[in-house]
Amino acid sequence: MKAVHPEQIIDNSRFRSFHFSIIFWCFFIILMDGYDVVIYGSVVPSLIEEWNISSVTAGAIGSYTAAGTAVGAVLFGLLADKLGRKNVILLCTVLFSLFTALSAFAAGPTMFTVFRVIAGLGLGGVMPNVIALSTEYAPKKIRAAMVSFIFCGYSIGAIAAALFSKSILPALGWQPIFWIAGLPLLLIPFIAKSLPESASFLLAKGKEEKLRELLQRIDPETTLDDRTTFEKPEPARKGLPLVKLFEKKRAISTIMFWISCFSCFVLIYAMNTWLPKLMIEAGYSLSSSLVFVAMMNVGAIVGTIIFGRLADKWGFKKVMVPLYIIGAVALASIGLTQNIILAYLLIGMIGAASVGVQNISNAFVSQYYPPSMRSTGVGAAMAFGRVGGIFAPTFVGILLTMNMSSQVNFTVIAMAAVLGGVAILFVQEKHAHYNREGESYDGDDKTKEVV
């Protein structure tokens, strides 16, 4: 009997309840990830007042948290290829939920920072593994759209953080906003039961019976029995997994992905941490400034859904480069207007060009690399991106101490969008996994066959 490759069955499958379950739970996890990241920016003005800390100190707390996410992205990205993506997703979800909730009990900035850094490990680790797992099980025709839609959950969580903060802060203070982050702890048993383990991981570990059951759920029309054999990927070669990202002519694209991700995270963390404060500096109230956070993430959702689908049709570069440029123009323009409707529109564009672009980029990176290094590739790109997340909060905090106009502040931040657009322009799609025609389906560590 001819050997079957699991990836081929998954690629050609139709959308079923199995896929819906993955979308639902991955969407929820990313929603809580987005909520946990954005609540800090929502309460920064309150923490500055309550703890009598400077804007530089408040920015440093955000940077320390981002440092935790960078470590988590690398650590758990590598561990997932050894322990399984499902197990790592569960562990990371427990980490960020528990320690974000515990942050509400911190009596001062030091303990608060410790809890936030530990939560950051989970926040950084969960995202690349959710990307890798959802990418692996998405039908090929809707892969970019499905992964991008899941990451709309980040923006929904961000909107919830802004709206809860707007309604809860004046009456109850900032602590209850952090308690809400513990909700996933109650749902861990359901997540564990519903999420599948990675097909490539099951195959590598010799768990073929479980793999048969999964593939039968994905495509009931496929006949798989005890006689069915599977094409197994070649054994992993010795050496550092990160080195493989630079092999097979992938070096330039890998570096460009890292730069693009860095740029995106500069935009995301600058906005998530400081947008309320920046808008207050521009003359708006705290309540109005929190609405701007919500509007930015509405733009991110709309941008992800519309442009994520277009990326499937037109290609990633043709969508991402113009979005970056639009974001740069919108950021440079936001300080020029006092018209609140126009300001909302510009903030929405910024959301599409930051969080929205990153959501699309997640799908791009995850498809660029073959399955055997997908978690490592996504984790490494996001880890380098988190360096931007470390840099941005402190940098903008220092920028605010210089007493420059809001237009200048926004224009300086806009330079990150220009850098990101240039980086994506130099990604070499001809060396992507999905373009390596003539190779085995695995696409890795094999040479092309000339027919």
Protein backbone atom coordinates (compact mmCIF):
# COMPACT_ATOMS: atom_id res chain seq x y z
CA MET A 1 0.00 0.00 0.00
CA LYS A 2 1.28 3.44 -0.91
CA ALA A 3 2.38 5.59 2.02
CA VAL A 4 0.12 8.52 2.87
CA HIS A 5 1.43 11.93 3.83
CA PRO A 6 -0.71 13.59 6.57
CA GLU A 7 -0.01 17.10 5.29
CA GLN A 8 -1.51 16.23 1.90
CA ILE A 9 -4.76 15.03 3.49
CA ILE A 10 -4.96 18.16 5.64
CA ASP A 11 -4.21 20.49 2.72
CA ASN A 12 -6.98 19.02 0.55
CA SER A 13 -9.59 18.71 3.32
CA ARG A 14 -12.83 20.65 3.50
CA PHE A 15 -13.74 22.88 6.44
CA ARG A 16 -15.43 20.77 9.14
CA SER A 17 -16.35 20.88 12.83
CA PHE A 18 -12.80 19.73 13.60
CA HIS A 19 -11.43 22.97 12.13
CA PHE A 20 -14.11 25.03 13.86
CA SER A 21 -13.05 23.62 17.23
CA ILE A 22 -9.42 24.59 16.58
CA ILE A 23 -10.45 28.09 15.50
CA PHE A 24 -12.72 28.54 18.55
CA TRP A 25 -10.18 27.58 21.22
CA CYS A 26 -7.16 29.16 19.51
CA PHE A 27 -9.21 32.34 19.03
CA PHE A 28 -10.10 32.35 22.74
CA ILE A 29 -6.47 31.83 23.82
CA ILE A 30 -5.24 34.64 21.59
CA LEU A 31 -8.12 36.84 22.79
CA MET A 32 -6.90 36.45 26.37
CA ASP A 33 -3.31 36.98 25.20
CA GLY A 34 -4.36 40.30 23.64
CA TYR A 35 -6.34 41.25 26.75
CA ASP A 36 -3.37 40.55 29.02
CA VAL A 37 -0.94 42.55 26.87
CA VAL A 38 -3.16 45.63 26.47
CA ILE A 39 -4.45 46.03 30.03
CA TYR A 40 -1.10 47.41 31.16
CA GLY A 41 -1.30 50.31 28.72
CA SER A 42 -4.88 50.95 29.83
CA VAL A 43 -3.88 51.33 33.48
CA VAL A 44 -0.51 53.09 33.04
CA PRO A 45 -1.91 56.57 33.80
CA SER A 46 -3.49 55.18 36.99
CA LEU A 47 -0.30 53.37 38.07
CA ILE A 48 1.82 56.48 37.46
CA GLU A 49 -0.49 58.42 39.78
CA GLU A 50 -0.98 55.71 42.44
CA TRP A 51 2.66 54.63 42.75
CA ASN A 52 4.15 58.05 41.91
CA ILE A 53 6.43 56.66 39.20
CA SER A 54 7.86 58.45 36.17
CA SER A 55 6.94 57.77 32.56
CA VAL A 56 10.42 56.25 32.07
CA THR A 57 9.82 53.79 34.93
CA ALA A 58 6.36 52.92 33.59
CA GLY A 59 7.91 52.32 30.17
CA ALA A 60 10.62 50.15 31.72
CA ILE A 61 7.97 47.91 33.31
CA GLY A 62 6.47 47.41 29.85
CA SER A 63 9.93 46.66 28.46
CA TYR A 64 10.67 44.07 31.17
CA THR A 65 7.39 42.34 30.35
CA ALA A 66 8.29 42.34 26.66
CA ALA A 67 11.68 40.84 27.58
CA GLY A 68 9.80 37.97 29.23
CA THR A 69 7.77 37.45 26.07
CA ALA A 70 10.98 37.34 23.99
CA VAL A 71 12.45 34.62 26.20
CA GLY A 72 9.13 32.76 26.16
CA ALA A 73 8.89 32.89 22.36
CA VAL A 74 12.32 31.28 21.93
CA LEU A 75 12.11 28.85 24.85
CA PHE A 76 8.64 27.49 24.14
CA GLY A 77 9.10 27.64 20.37
CA LEU A 78 12.02 25.23 20.72
CA LEU A 79 10.37 23.08 23.40
CA ALA A 80 7.25 22.58 21.29
CA ASP A 81 9.18 20.62 18.69
CA LYS A 82 10.28 18.30 21.53
CA LEU A 83 7.25 18.20 23.86
CA GLY A 84 4.38 18.82 21.45
CA ARG A 85 2.60 22.04 20.57
CA LYS A 86 -0.59 21.22 22.46
CA ASN A 87 1.22 20.66 25.77
CA VAL A 88 3.19 23.87 25.41
CA ILE A 89 0.05 25.87 24.54
CA LEU A 90 -1.63 24.59 27.72
CA LEU A 91 1.40 25.38 29.88
CA CYS A 92 1.79 28.88 28.45
CA THR A 93 -1.91 29.63 28.88
CA VAL A 94 -1.71 28.69 32.57
CA LEU A 95 1.40 30.85 33.01
CA PHE A 96 0.09 34.08 31.51
CA SER A 97 -3.39 33.75 33.02
CA LEU A 98 -2.23 32.96 36.56
CA PHE A 99 0.49 35.58 36.83
CA THR A 100 -1.51 38.35 35.16
CA ALA A 101 -4.26 37.75 37.73
CA LEU A 102 -1.68 37.72 40.54
CA SER A 103 -0.39 41.11 39.35
CA ALA A 104 -3.54 42.65 40.83
CA PHE A 105 -2.26 41.75 44.30
CA ALA A 106 1.12 43.49 43.88
CA ALA A 107 1.68 46.18 46.50
CA GLY A 108 4.20 48.09 44.44
CA PRO A 109 6.03 48.31 41.10
CA THR A 110 8.72 45.72 41.96
CA MET A 111 6.41 42.78 42.68
CA PHE A 112 4.11 43.90 39.86
CA THR A 113 7.05 43.75 37.45
CA VAL A 114 8.08 40.26 38.62
CA PHE A 115 4.56 38.91 38.03
CA ARG A 116 4.34 40.62 34.65
CA VAL A 117 7.68 39.18 33.50
CA ILE A 118 6.60 35.63 34.41
CA ALA A 119 3.28 36.20 32.65
CA GLY A 120 5.32 37.46 29.68
CA LEU A 121 6.99 34.05 29.35
CA GLY A 122 3.57 32.51 28.72
CA LEU A 123 2.40 35.36 26.49
CA GLY A 124 5.49 35.00 24.31
CA GLY A 125 5.36 31.21 24.17
CA VAL A 126 1.69 30.69 23.38
CA MET A 127 1.51 32.76 20.21
CA PRO A 128 4.05 30.96 17.95
CA ASN A 129 2.63 27.59 18.96
CA VAL A 130 -0.96 28.60 18.29
CA ILE A 131 0.22 29.87 14.89
CA ALA A 132 2.04 26.62 14.14
CA LEU A 133 -0.81 24.35 15.26
CA SER A 134 -3.56 26.26 13.43
CA THR A 135 -1.40 26.51 10.30
CA GLU A 136 -0.74 22.77 10.33
CA TYR A 137 -4.43 21.84 10.46
CA ALA A 138 -5.89 24.55 8.19
CA PRO A 139 -7.02 23.50 4.69
CA LYS A 140 -4.62 24.98 2.16
CA LYS A 141 -7.19 27.14 0.36
CA ILE A 142 -8.12 29.07 3.51
CA ARG A 143 -4.89 28.75 5.49
CA ALA A 144 -3.85 32.41 5.58
CA ALA A 145 -7.43 33.57 6.20
CA MET A 146 -7.97 31.02 9.00
CA VAL A 147 -4.73 31.86 10.82
CA SER A 148 -5.32 35.59 10.37
CA PHE A 149 -8.89 35.27 11.69
CA ILE A 150 -7.66 33.46 14.81
CA PHE A 151 -5.37 36.37 15.49
CA CYS A 152 -8.29 38.77 15.31
CA GLY A 153 -8.84 37.39 18.81
CA TYR A 154 -5.87 39.49 19.92
CA SER A 155 -7.68 42.65 18.85
CA ILE A 156 -10.99 41.55 20.41
CA GLY A 157 -9.09 41.03 23.67
CA ALA A 158 -7.49 44.45 23.31
CA ILE A 159 -10.89 46.08 22.72
CA ALA A 160 -12.27 44.29 25.79
CA ALA A 161 -9.32 45.54 27.85
CA ALA A 162 -9.94 49.13 26.75
CA LEU A 163 -13.71 49.02 27.32
CA PHE A 164 -13.47 47.23 30.67
CA SER A 165 -10.87 49.74 31.78
CA LYS A 166 -13.09 52.62 30.70
CA SER A 167 -16.02 51.31 32.75
CA ILE A 168 -14.22 49.72 35.73
CA LEU A 169 -11.32 52.10 36.42
CA PRO A 170 -13.34 55.10 37.71
CA ALA A 171 -15.41 53.01 40.15
CA LEU A 172 -13.30 50.02 41.22
CA GLY A 173 -9.70 50.85 40.36
CA TRP A 174 -7.26 48.89 38.21
CA GLN A 175 -7.06 45.60 40.15
CA PRO A 176 -10.34 43.96 38.94
CA ILE A 177 -9.18 44.45 35.34
CA PHE A 178 -6.32 42.05 36.06
CA TRP A 179 -8.50 39.51 37.90
CA ILE A 180 -10.49 38.93 34.70
CA ALA A 181 -7.29 37.58 33.11
CA GLY A 182 -7.61 34.41 35.25
CA LEU A 183 -10.63 33.19 33.26
CA PRO A 184 -8.66 30.70 31.05
CA LEU A 185 -7.61 28.79 34.18
CA LEU A 186 -11.21 27.62 34.56
CA LEU A 187 -11.34 26.41 30.95
CA ILE A 188 -8.03 24.54 30.73
CA PRO A 189 -9.74 21.07 30.95
CA PHE A 190 -11.97 21.92 27.98
CA ILE A 191 -9.05 23.31 25.96
CA ALA A 192 -6.99 20.18 26.72
CA LYS A 193 -9.83 17.94 25.55
CA SER A 194 -10.59 19.89 22.36
CA LEU A 195 -7.21 20.85 20.90
CA PRO A 196 -5.41 18.14 18.87
CA GLU A 197 -1.72 17.46 19.07
CA SER A 198 0.42 18.33 16.07
CA ALA A 199 0.19 15.71 13.30
CA SER A 200 3.90 15.98 12.55
CA PHE A 201 4.69 15.53 16.26
CA LEU A 202 2.49 12.42 16.52
CA LEU A 203 4.17 10.96 13.44
CA ALA A 204 7.65 11.72 14.75
CA LYS A 205 6.80 10.00 18.06
CA GLY A 206 5.37 6.93 16.33
CA LYS A 207 1.80 7.52 17.55
CA GLU A 208 0.25 6.42 14.28
CA GLU A 209 -3.04 5.21 15.76
CA LYS A 210 -3.81 8.65 17.17
CA LEU A 211 -2.76 10.20 13.87
CA ARG A 212 -5.15 7.92 11.96
CA GLU A 213 -8.00 8.98 14.24
CA LEU A 214 -7.21 12.65 13.71
CA LEU A 215 -6.97 12.36 9.93
CA GLN A 216 -10.26 10.44 9.85
CA ARG A 217 -11.91 13.35 11.67
CA ILE A 218 -10.35 15.82 9.26
CA ASP A 219 -11.45 13.92 6.17
CA PRO A 220 -13.99 11.11 6.86
CA GLU A 221 -13.97 10.19 3.16
CA THR A 222 -10.34 9.05 3.39
CA THR A 223 -9.95 5.36 4.14
CA LEU A 224 -7.30 4.74 6.80
CA ASP A 225 -6.84 1.43 8.59
CA ASP A 226 -4.13 -0.54 10.37
CA ARG A 227 -2.46 -1.31 7.03
CA THR A 228 -2.08 2.39 6.20
CA THR A 229 1.48 3.63 6.42
CA PHE A 230 2.64 7.22 6.61
CA GLU A 231 5.52 9.01 4.96
CA LYS A 232 7.81 9.96 7.78
CA PRO A 233 9.95 13.09 7.75
CA GLU A 234 13.67 12.60 7.70
CA PRO A 235 15.28 12.46 11.16
CA ALA A 236 16.30 15.83 12.49
CA ARG A 237 19.93 16.54 11.81
CA LYS A 238 22.27 17.37 14.64
CA GLY A 239 22.91 21.00 15.36
CA LEU A 240 21.03 24.06 16.52
CA PRO A 241 17.46 24.25 15.17
CA LEU A 242 17.90 27.98 14.54
CA VAL A 243 20.70 27.28 12.06
CA LYS A 244 18.23 25.50 9.75
CA LEU A 245 16.36 28.77 9.27
CA PHE A 246 19.39 30.04 7.33
CA GLU A 247 19.81 26.99 5.11
CA LYS A 248 18.28 26.20 1.69
CA LYS A 249 18.67 29.87 0.61
CA ARG A 250 16.37 31.02 3.44
CA ALA A 251 18.93 33.29 5.15
CA ILE A 252 17.92 36.65 3.60
CA SER A 253 14.22 36.01 4.08
CA THR A 254 14.75 34.89 7.68
CA ILE A 255 16.56 38.13 8.49
CA MET A 256 13.90 40.19 6.70
CA PHE A 257 11.13 38.42 8.66
CA TRP A 258 12.95 39.26 11.88
CA ILE A 259 13.30 42.94 10.94
CA SER A 260 9.65 43.14 9.89
CA CYS A 261 8.55 41.50 13.11
CA PHE A 262 10.77 43.90 15.09
CA SER A 263 9.10 46.85 13.34
CA CYS A 264 5.61 45.50 13.96
CA PHE A 265 6.26 44.98 17.65
CA VAL A 266 7.69 48.49 17.98
CA LEU A 267 4.39 49.78 16.61
CA ILE A 268 2.25 47.39 18.67
CA TYR A 269 3.99 47.95 22.01
CA ALA A 270 4.37 51.69 21.48
CA MET A 271 0.63 51.93 20.86
CA ASN A 272 -0.50 49.37 23.45
CA THR A 273 1.60 50.90 26.21
CA TRP A 274 1.42 54.58 25.40
CA LEU A 275 -1.55 55.34 23.12
CA PRO A 276 -3.81 56.55 25.99
CA LYS A 277 -0.99 58.76 27.30
CA LEU A 278 -0.07 59.99 23.80
CA MET A 279 -3.68 60.94 23.10
CA ILE A 280 -3.92 62.71 26.48
CA GLU A 281 -0.80 64.66 25.47
CA ALA A 282 -2.59 65.49 22.19
CA GLY A 283 -5.44 67.06 24.18
CA TYR A 284 -7.95 64.22 24.69
CA SER A 285 -9.36 62.95 28.02
CA LEU A 286 -8.43 59.56 29.54
CA SER A 287 -11.90 58.20 28.74
CA SER A 288 -11.61 59.28 25.09
CA SER A 289 -8.07 57.95 24.91
CA LEU A 290 -9.21 54.47 25.96
CA VAL A 291 -11.78 54.57 23.15
CA PHE A 292 -8.87 55.22 20.76
CA VAL A 293 -7.33 51.92 21.96
CA ALA A 294 -10.58 50.16 21.06
CA MET A 295 -10.73 51.88 17.65
CA MET A 296 -7.15 50.88 16.87
CA ASN A 297 -8.05 47.25 17.41
CA VAL A 298 -11.26 47.55 15.40
CA GLY A 299 -8.98 48.65 12.57
CA ALA A 300 -6.76 45.66 13.28
CA ILE A 301 -9.71 43.26 13.01
CA VAL A 302 -11.05 44.78 9.80
CA GLY A 303 -7.55 44.87 8.33
CA THR A 304 -6.84 41.27 9.29
CA ILE A 305 -10.09 39.87 7.89
CA ILE A 306 -10.06 41.83 4.63
CA PHE A 307 -6.34 41.83 3.89
CA GLY A 308 -5.77 38.33 5.28
CA ARG A 309 -8.17 37.04 2.65
CA LEU A 310 -6.52 39.17 -0.03
CA ALA A 311 -3.13 37.72 0.95
CA ASP A 312 -4.46 34.28 -0.04
CA LYS A 313 -5.34 35.64 -3.49
CA TRP A 314 -2.65 38.22 -4.25
CA GLY A 315 0.30 37.06 -2.16
CA PHE A 316 1.62 38.33 1.15
CA LYS A 317 4.07 40.95 -0.11
CA LYS A 318 1.51 42.73 -2.29
CA VAL A 319 -0.69 43.18 0.77
CA MET A 320 1.79 43.80 3.59
CA VAL A 321 4.04 46.44 1.96
CA PRO A 322 1.18 48.87 1.12
CA LEU A 323 -0.31 48.34 4.60
CA TYR A 324 2.97 49.32 6.22
CA ILE A 325 3.12 52.50 4.12
CA ILE A 326 -0.50 53.38 4.98
CA GLY A 327 0.36 52.94 8.66
CA ALA A 328 3.37 55.26 8.40
CA VAL A 329 1.28 57.99 6.73
CA ALA A 330 -1.53 57.61 9.29
CA LEU A 331 0.89 57.83 12.23
CA ALA A 332 2.59 60.92 10.83
CA SER A 333 -0.83 62.54 10.28
CA ILE A 334 -2.54 61.78 13.61
CA GLY A 335 -0.92 64.75 15.37
CA LEU A 336 -2.16 67.17 12.71
CA THR A 337 -5.91 66.88 13.39
CA GLN A 338 -8.28 67.71 16.21
CA ASN A 339 -11.25 66.25 14.32
CA ILE A 340 -12.17 63.21 16.41
CA ILE A 341 -13.83 61.32 13.52
CA LEU A 342 -10.74 61.69 11.35
CA ALA A 343 -8.59 60.76 14.35
CA TYR A 344 -10.62 57.55 14.80
CA LEU A 345 -10.13 56.72 11.11
CA LEU A 346 -6.37 57.28 11.29
CA ILE A 347 -6.08 55.23 14.48
CA GLY A 348 -8.00 52.42 12.74
CA MET A 349 -5.49 52.52 9.86
CA ILE A 350 -2.66 52.31 12.39
CA GLY A 351 -4.31 49.22 13.90
CA ALA A 352 -4.52 47.56 10.48
CA ALA A 353 -0.88 48.42 9.79
CA SER A 354 0.46 47.14 13.13
CA VAL A 355 -1.56 44.34 14.72
CA GLY A 356 -3.24 43.57 11.39
CA VAL A 357 0.06 43.30 9.52
CA GLN A 358 1.53 41.14 12.29
CA ASN A 359 -1.45 38.77 12.09
CA ILE A 360 -0.93 38.41 8.34
CA SER A 361 2.83 38.09 8.88
CA ASN A 362 2.21 35.18 11.28
CA ALA A 363 0.51 33.29 8.46
CA PHE A 364 3.29 34.29 6.03
CA VAL A 365 6.13 33.08 8.26
CA SER A 366 4.38 29.86 9.26
CA GLN A 367 3.83 28.91 5.60
CA TYR A 368 7.30 29.97 4.49
CA TYR A 369 9.04 27.24 6.52
CA PRO A 370 8.43 23.48 6.25
CA PRO A 371 6.52 21.73 9.10
CA SER A 372 9.66 20.31 10.69
CA MET A 373 10.87 23.80 11.62
CA ARG A 374 7.62 25.75 11.67
CA SER A 375 7.48 26.33 15.45
CA THR A 376 11.16 27.26 15.49
CA GLY A 377 10.78 29.66 12.55
CA VAL A 378 7.74 31.44 13.95
CA GLY A 379 9.15 31.46 17.48
CA ALA A 380 12.47 32.94 16.33
CA ALA A 381 10.80 35.67 14.26
CA MET A 382 8.52 36.63 17.11
CA ALA A 383 11.38 36.49 19.62
CA PHE A 384 13.34 38.98 17.53
CA GLY A 385 10.15 40.98 17.17
CA ARG A 386 9.83 41.06 20.95
CA VAL A 387 13.13 42.96 21.02
CA GLY A 388 11.08 45.72 19.41
CA GLY A 389 8.54 45.21 22.17
CA ILE A 390 11.31 45.63 24.74
CA PHE A 391 12.67 48.73 23.03
CA ALA A 392 9.41 50.56 22.30
CA PRO A 393 7.87 51.20 25.78
CA THR A 394 11.06 52.67 27.26
CA PHE A 395 11.92 54.58 24.07
CA VAL A 396 8.50 56.26 23.93
CA GLY A 397 8.67 56.92 27.69
CA ILE A 398 11.93 58.80 27.10
CA LEU A 399 10.41 60.52 24.06
CA LEU A 400 7.61 61.87 26.25
CA THR A 401 10.12 63.46 28.65
CA MET A 402 11.50 65.60 25.79
CA ASN A 403 8.30 67.68 25.67
CA MET A 404 8.06 67.58 21.88
CA SER A 405 4.78 68.04 20.02
CA SER A 406 2.47 65.04 19.62
CA GLN A 407 2.98 65.23 15.83
CA VAL A 408 6.74 64.77 16.25
CA ASN A 409 6.23 61.87 18.67
CA PHE A 410 3.91 60.05 16.26
CA THR A 411 6.20 60.75 13.27
CA VAL A 412 9.19 59.23 15.07
CA ILE A 413 7.16 56.08 15.83
CA ALA A 414 6.05 55.96 12.16
CA MET A 415 9.61 55.26 11.04
CA ALA A 416 9.17 51.68 12.31
CA ALA A 417 6.41 51.13 9.73
CA VAL A 418 8.70 52.33 6.93
CA LEU A 419 11.43 49.92 8.06
CA GLY A 420 8.95 47.02 8.17
CA GLY A 421 7.71 47.70 4.66
CA VAL A 422 11.24 47.75 3.26
CA ALA A 423 12.06 44.46 5.03
CA ILE A 424 9.04 42.61 3.58
CA LEU A 425 9.96 43.91 0.14
CA PHE A 426 13.20 41.90 0.32
CA VAL A 427 11.64 38.57 1.40
CA GLN A 428 12.43 35.97 -1.30
CA GLU A 429 9.19 34.06 -1.85
CA LYS A 430 10.78 31.82 -4.49
CA HIS A 431 12.57 29.95 -1.67
CA ALA A 432 9.42 29.46 0.42
CA HIS A 433 8.26 25.95 1.34
CA TYR A 434 5.02 26.40 -0.61
CA ASN A 435 6.94 27.32 -3.78
CA ARG A 436 9.45 24.48 -3.77
CA GLU A 437 7.96 22.54 -6.65
CA GLY A 438 9.25 19.10 -7.53
CA GLU A 439 10.31 18.25 -3.99
CA SER A 440 8.80 15.69 -1.69
CA TYR A 441 5.74 16.88 0.13
CA ASP A 442 7.77 17.39 3.26
CA GLY A 443 9.78 20.03 1.44
CA ASP A 444 12.71 19.85 3.87
CA ASP A 445 16.16 18.42 3.59
CA LYS A 446 15.38 16.86 0.21
CA THR A 447 16.71 17.66 -3.22
CA LYS A 448 14.56 18.36 -6.23
CA GLU A 449 13.78 15.56 -8.61
CA VAL A 450 14.21 16.36 -12.26
CA VAL A 451 11.60 14.55 -14.34
